[in-house]
């Protein structure tokens, strides 16, 4: 697994969740630059990052952004990830003014129901050869 250095950032996501995979595809299509890395939580790299940052894999029902050594979860991860997106998609970060308990309540509602509402795959997505360097193995 690659080490995260300096200003690097990695987004951990549920590799079998259709909503999560669609979100990663959206980010790849609308990002400002190719600096964000990705890792499925289920992958070896994802498991090592969970361990390194003391994130309980059993209770991980969230996308997780690790940026500059800081861990962002739930709605904070979504808003922190929006900074990597082009205008107007990066404007979502202004919703951080919504009280965190309300933001996280809504986030958890979607996270809890994501398989039922959006479905899931039998296995994690395989990145295309041109995107392989963006995904930690």
C-alpha atoms as a PDB file:
ATOM      1  CA  UNK A   1       0.000   0.000   0.000  1.00  0.00           C
ATOM      2  CA  UNK A   2       1.170   3.486  -0.744  1.00  0.00           C
ATOM      3  CA  UNK A   3       1.867   5.809   2.148  1.00  0.00           C
ATOM      4  CA  UNK A   4      -0.009   9.064   2.332  1.00  0.00           C
ATOM      5  CA  UNK A   5       2.503  11.886   2.259  1.00  0.00           C
ATOM      6  CA  UNK A   6       2.229  15.612   2.760  1.00  0.00           C
ATOM      7  CA  UNK A   7      -0.818  17.084   1.085  1.00  0.00           C
ATOM      8  CA  UNK A   8      -2.193  13.828  -0.336  1.00  0.00           C
ATOM      9  CA  UNK A   9      -5.780  12.873   0.290  1.00  0.00           C
ATOM     10  CA  UNK A  10      -7.647   9.603  -0.030  1.00  0.00           C
ATOM     11  CA  UNK A  11     -11.367   8.935  -0.065  1.00  0.00           C
ATOM     12  CA  UNK A  12     -12.402   5.597   1.416  1.00  0.00           C
ATOM     13  CA  UNK A  13     -15.731   4.340   0.125  1.00  0.00           C
ATOM     14  CA  UNK A  14     -17.923   1.244   0.218  1.00  0.00           C
ATOM     15  CA  UNK A  15     -16.758  -0.613  -2.890  1.00  0.00           C
ATOM     16  CA  UNK A  16     -19.943  -2.649  -3.316  1.00  0.00           C
ATOM     17  CA  UNK A  17     -22.396   0.234  -2.833  1.00  0.00           C
ATOM     18  CA  UNK A  18     -23.912   1.570  -6.063  1.00  0.00           C
ATOM     19  CA  UNK A  19     -24.392   5.051  -4.558  1.00  0.00           C
ATOM     20  CA  UNK A  20     -20.761   5.159  -3.398  1.00  0.00           C
ATOM     21  CA  UNK A  21     -19.436   3.944  -6.746  1.00  0.00           C
ATOM     22  CA  UNK A  22     -21.574   6.481  -8.594  1.00  0.00           C
ATOM     23  CA  UNK A  23     -20.268   9.192  -6.275  1.00  0.00           C
ATOM     24  CA  UNK A  24     -16.653   8.221  -7.040  1.00  0.00           C
ATOM     25  CA  UNK A  25     -17.431   8.335 -10.775  1.00  0.00           C
ATOM     26  CA  UNK A  26     -19.036  11.770 -10.309  1.00  0.00           C
ATOM     27  CA  UNK A  27     -15.954  13.044  -8.459  1.00  0.00           C
ATOM     28  CA  UNK A  28     -13.628  11.719 -11.164  1.00  0.00           C
ATOM     29  CA  UNK A  29     -15.699  13.472 -13.843  1.00  0.00           C
ATOM     30  CA  UNK A  30     -15.990  16.823 -12.042  1.00  0.00           C
ATOM     31  CA  UNK A  31     -12.753  17.209 -10.115  1.00  0.00           C
ATOM     32  CA  UNK A  32     -10.503  20.256 -10.468  1.00  0.00           C
ATOM     33  CA  UNK A  33      -7.308  18.201 -10.641  1.00  0.00           C
ATOM     34  CA  UNK A  34      -6.271  14.595 -10.205  1.00  0.00           C
ATOM     35  CA  UNK A  35      -4.959  14.811  -6.660  1.00  0.00           C
ATOM     36  CA  UNK A  36      -7.548  12.801  -4.748  1.00  0.00           C
ATOM     37  CA  UNK A  37      -6.875   9.074  -4.379  1.00  0.00           C
ATOM     38  CA  UNK A  38      -9.544   6.449  -3.753  1.00  0.00           C
ATOM     39  CA  UNK A  39      -9.748   3.155  -1.911  1.00  0.00           C
ATOM     40  CA  UNK A  40     -12.592   0.760  -1.298  1.00  0.00           C
ATOM     41  CA  UNK A  41     -13.009   0.155   2.423  1.00  0.00           C
ATOM     42  CA  UNK A  42     -13.066  -3.571   1.650  1.00  0.00           C
ATOM     43  CA  UNK A  43      -9.661  -3.510  -0.083  1.00  0.00           C
ATOM     44  CA  UNK A  44      -6.381  -4.336   1.629  1.00  0.00           C
ATOM     45  CA  UNK A  45      -5.302  -0.695   1.340  1.00  0.00           C
ATOM     46  CA  UNK A  46      -8.627   0.468   2.781  1.00  0.00           C
ATOM     47  CA  UNK A  47      -8.342  -1.913   5.723  1.00  0.00           C
ATOM     48  CA  UNK A  48      -4.776  -0.760   6.424  1.00  0.00           C
ATOM     49  CA  UNK A  49      -5.872   2.887   6.406  1.00  0.00           C
ATOM     50  CA  UNK A  50      -8.744   2.115   8.775  1.00  0.00           C
ATOM     51  CA  UNK A  51      -6.265   0.443  11.101  1.00  0.00           C
ATOM     52  CA  UNK A  52      -3.630   3.182  10.812  1.00  0.00           C
ATOM     53  CA  UNK A  53      -6.167   5.892  11.704  1.00  0.00           C
ATOM     54  CA  UNK A  54      -7.928   3.803  14.394  1.00  0.00           C
ATOM     55  CA  UNK A  55     -11.248   3.724  12.551  1.00  0.00           C
ATOM     56  CA  UNK A  56     -13.460   0.824  13.642  1.00  0.00           C
ATOM     57  CA  UNK A  57     -14.168  -1.208  10.470  1.00  0.00           C
ATOM     58  CA  UNK A  58     -17.254  -2.813  12.054  1.00  0.00           C
ATOM     59  CA  UNK A  59     -18.953   0.534  12.654  1.00  0.00           C
ATOM     60  CA  UNK A  60     -17.837   2.197   9.440  1.00  0.00           C
ATOM     61  CA  UNK A  61     -21.017   3.111   7.611  1.00  0.00           C
ATOM     62  CA  UNK A  62     -19.552   6.167   6.002  1.00  0.00           C
ATOM     63  CA  UNK A  63     -17.340   7.576   3.337  1.00  0.00           C
ATOM     64  CA  UNK A  64     -14.125   8.689   4.958  1.00  0.00           C
ATOM     65  CA  UNK A  65     -11.761  11.349   3.723  1.00  0.00           C
ATOM     66  CA  UNK A  66      -8.212  11.346   5.038  1.00  0.00           C
ATOM     67  CA  UNK A  67      -6.514  14.618   4.172  1.00  0.00           C
ATOM     68  CA  UNK A  68      -3.319  16.008   5.624  1.00  0.00           C
ATOM     69  CA  UNK A  69      -3.454  13.360   8.353  1.00  0.00           C
ATOM     70  CA  UNK A  70      -6.954  14.389   9.454  1.00  0.00           C
ATOM     71  CA  UNK A  71      -9.944  12.038   9.254  1.00  0.00           C
ATOM     72  CA  UNK A  72     -13.305  13.376   8.053  1.00  0.00           C
ATOM     73  CA  UNK A  73     -16.416  11.205   8.384  1.00  0.00           C
ATOM     74  CA  UNK A  74     -20.103  11.412   7.588  1.00  0.00           C
ATOM     75  CA  UNK A  75     -21.299  14.815   6.346  1.00  0.00           C
ATOM     76  CA  UNK A  76     -17.907  16.386   7.134  1.00  0.00           C
ATOM     77  CA  UNK A  77     -16.306  13.974   4.644  1.00  0.00           C
ATOM     78  CA  UNK A  78     -18.816  14.963   1.974  1.00  0.00           C
ATOM     79  CA  UNK A  79     -18.213  18.685   2.479  1.00  0.00           C
ATOM     80  CA  UNK A  80     -14.428  18.308   2.684  1.00  0.00           C
ATOM     81  CA  UNK A  81     -14.482  16.263  -0.536  1.00  0.00           C
ATOM     82  CA  UNK A  82     -16.418  18.999  -2.345  1.00  0.00           C
ATOM     83  CA  UNK A  83     -13.297  21.198  -2.275  1.00  0.00           C
ATOM     84  CA  UNK A  84     -11.805  18.884  -4.911  1.00  0.00           C
ATOM     85  CA  UNK A  85     -14.659  19.579  -7.333  1.00  0.00           C
ATOM     86  CA  UNK A  86     -15.027  22.203 -10.042  1.00  0.00           C
ATOM     87  CA  UNK A  87     -17.547  25.023  -9.838  1.00  0.00           C
ATOM     88  CA  UNK A  88     -20.529  24.801  -9.264  1.00  0.00           C
ATOM     89  CA  UNK A  89     -20.213  21.403  -7.536  1.00  0.00           C
ATOM     90  CA  UNK A  90     -17.789  22.776  -4.955  1.00  0.00           C
ATOM     91  CA  UNK A  91     -20.544  25.086  -3.662  1.00  0.00           C
ATOM     92  CA  UNK A  92     -21.986  22.190  -1.676  1.00  0.00           C
ATOM     93  CA  UNK A  93     -19.474  23.028   1.029  1.00  0.00           C
ATOM     94  CA  UNK A  94     -21.582  26.053   2.016  1.00  0.00           C
ATOM     95  CA  UNK A  95     -24.136  23.632   3.467  1.00  0.00           C
ATOM     96  CA  UNK A  96     -21.705  23.192   6.340  1.00  0.00           C
ATOM     97  CA  UNK A  97     -23.718  26.018   7.953  1.00  0.00           C
ATOM     98  CA  UNK A  98     -26.490  23.461   8.556  1.00  0.00           C
ATOM     99  CA  UNK A  99     -26.084  22.242  12.149  1.00  0.00           C
ATOM    100  CA  UNK A 100     -23.878  19.149  12.266  1.00  0.00           C
ATOM    101  CA  UNK A 101     -26.414  16.980  14.165  1.00  0.00           C
ATOM    102  CA  UNK A 102     -28.999  17.577  11.422  1.00  0.00           C
ATOM    103  CA  UNK A 103     -26.450  17.018   8.622  1.00  0.00           C
ATOM    104  CA  UNK A 104     -25.267  13.763  10.188  1.00  0.00           C
ATOM    105  CA  UNK A 105     -28.812  12.590  10.912  1.00  0.00           C
ATOM    106  CA  UNK A 106     -29.632  12.920   7.200  1.00  0.00           C
ATOM    107  CA  UNK A 107     -26.304  11.403   6.183  1.00  0.00           C
ATOM    108  CA  UNK A 108     -26.852   8.369   8.451  1.00  0.00           C
ATOM    109  CA  UNK A 109     -30.385   7.891   7.094  1.00  0.00           C
ATOM    110  CA  UNK A 110     -29.038   7.638   3.541  1.00  0.00           C
ATOM    111  CA  UNK A 111     -26.050   5.501   4.612  1.00  0.00           C
ATOM    112  CA  UNK A 112     -28.284   3.055   6.480  1.00  0.00           C
ATOM    113  CA  UNK A 113     -30.603   2.640   3.490  1.00  0.00           C
ATOM    114  CA  UNK A 114     -28.076   2.910   0.645  1.00  0.00           C
ATOM    115  CA  UNK A 115     -28.222  -0.759  -0.393  1.00  0.00           C
ATOM    116  CA  UNK A 116     -32.033  -0.836  -0.318  1.00  0.00           C
ATOM    117  CA  UNK A 117     -32.432   2.457  -2.206  1.00  0.00           C
ATOM    118  CA  UNK A 118     -29.512   2.235  -4.655  1.00  0.00           C
ATOM    119  CA  UNK A 119     -28.517  -1.448  -4.687  1.00  0.00           C
ATOM    120  CA  UNK A 120     -25.134  -3.071  -4.383  1.00  0.00           C
ATOM    121  CA  UNK A 121     -22.662  -5.042  -6.436  1.00  0.00           C
ATOM    122  CA  UNK A 122     -21.253  -8.485  -5.701  1.00  0.00           C
ATOM    123  CA  UNK A 123     -17.700  -7.147  -5.817  1.00  0.00           C
ATOM    124  CA  UNK A 124     -15.794  -3.876  -5.736  1.00  0.00           C
ATOM    125  CA  UNK A 125     -15.400  -1.841  -8.907  1.00  0.00           C
ATOM    126  CA  UNK A 126     -12.287  -2.373 -10.994  1.00  0.00           C
ATOM    127  CA  UNK A 127     -10.777   0.942 -12.139  1.00  0.00           C
ATOM    128  CA  UNK A 128      -9.996   1.369 -15.807  1.00  0.00           C
ATOM    129  CA  UNK A 129      -6.295   1.213 -16.722  1.00  0.00           C
ATOM    130  CA  UNK A 130      -6.085   5.005 -17.094  1.00  0.00           C
ATOM    131  CA  UNK A 131      -7.513   5.474 -13.565  1.00  0.00           C
ATOM    132  CA  UNK A 132      -5.670   2.627 -11.855  1.00  0.00           C
ATOM    133  CA  UNK A 133      -3.019   4.951 -10.393  1.00  0.00           C
ATOM    134  CA  UNK A 134      -5.788   6.877  -8.580  1.00  0.00           C
ATOM    135  CA  UNK A 135      -6.907   3.812  -6.617  1.00  0.00           C
ATOM    136  CA  UNK A 136      -4.883   2.418  -3.742  1.00  0.00           C
ATOM    137  CA  UNK A 137      -4.560  -1.353  -3.863  1.00  0.00           C
END
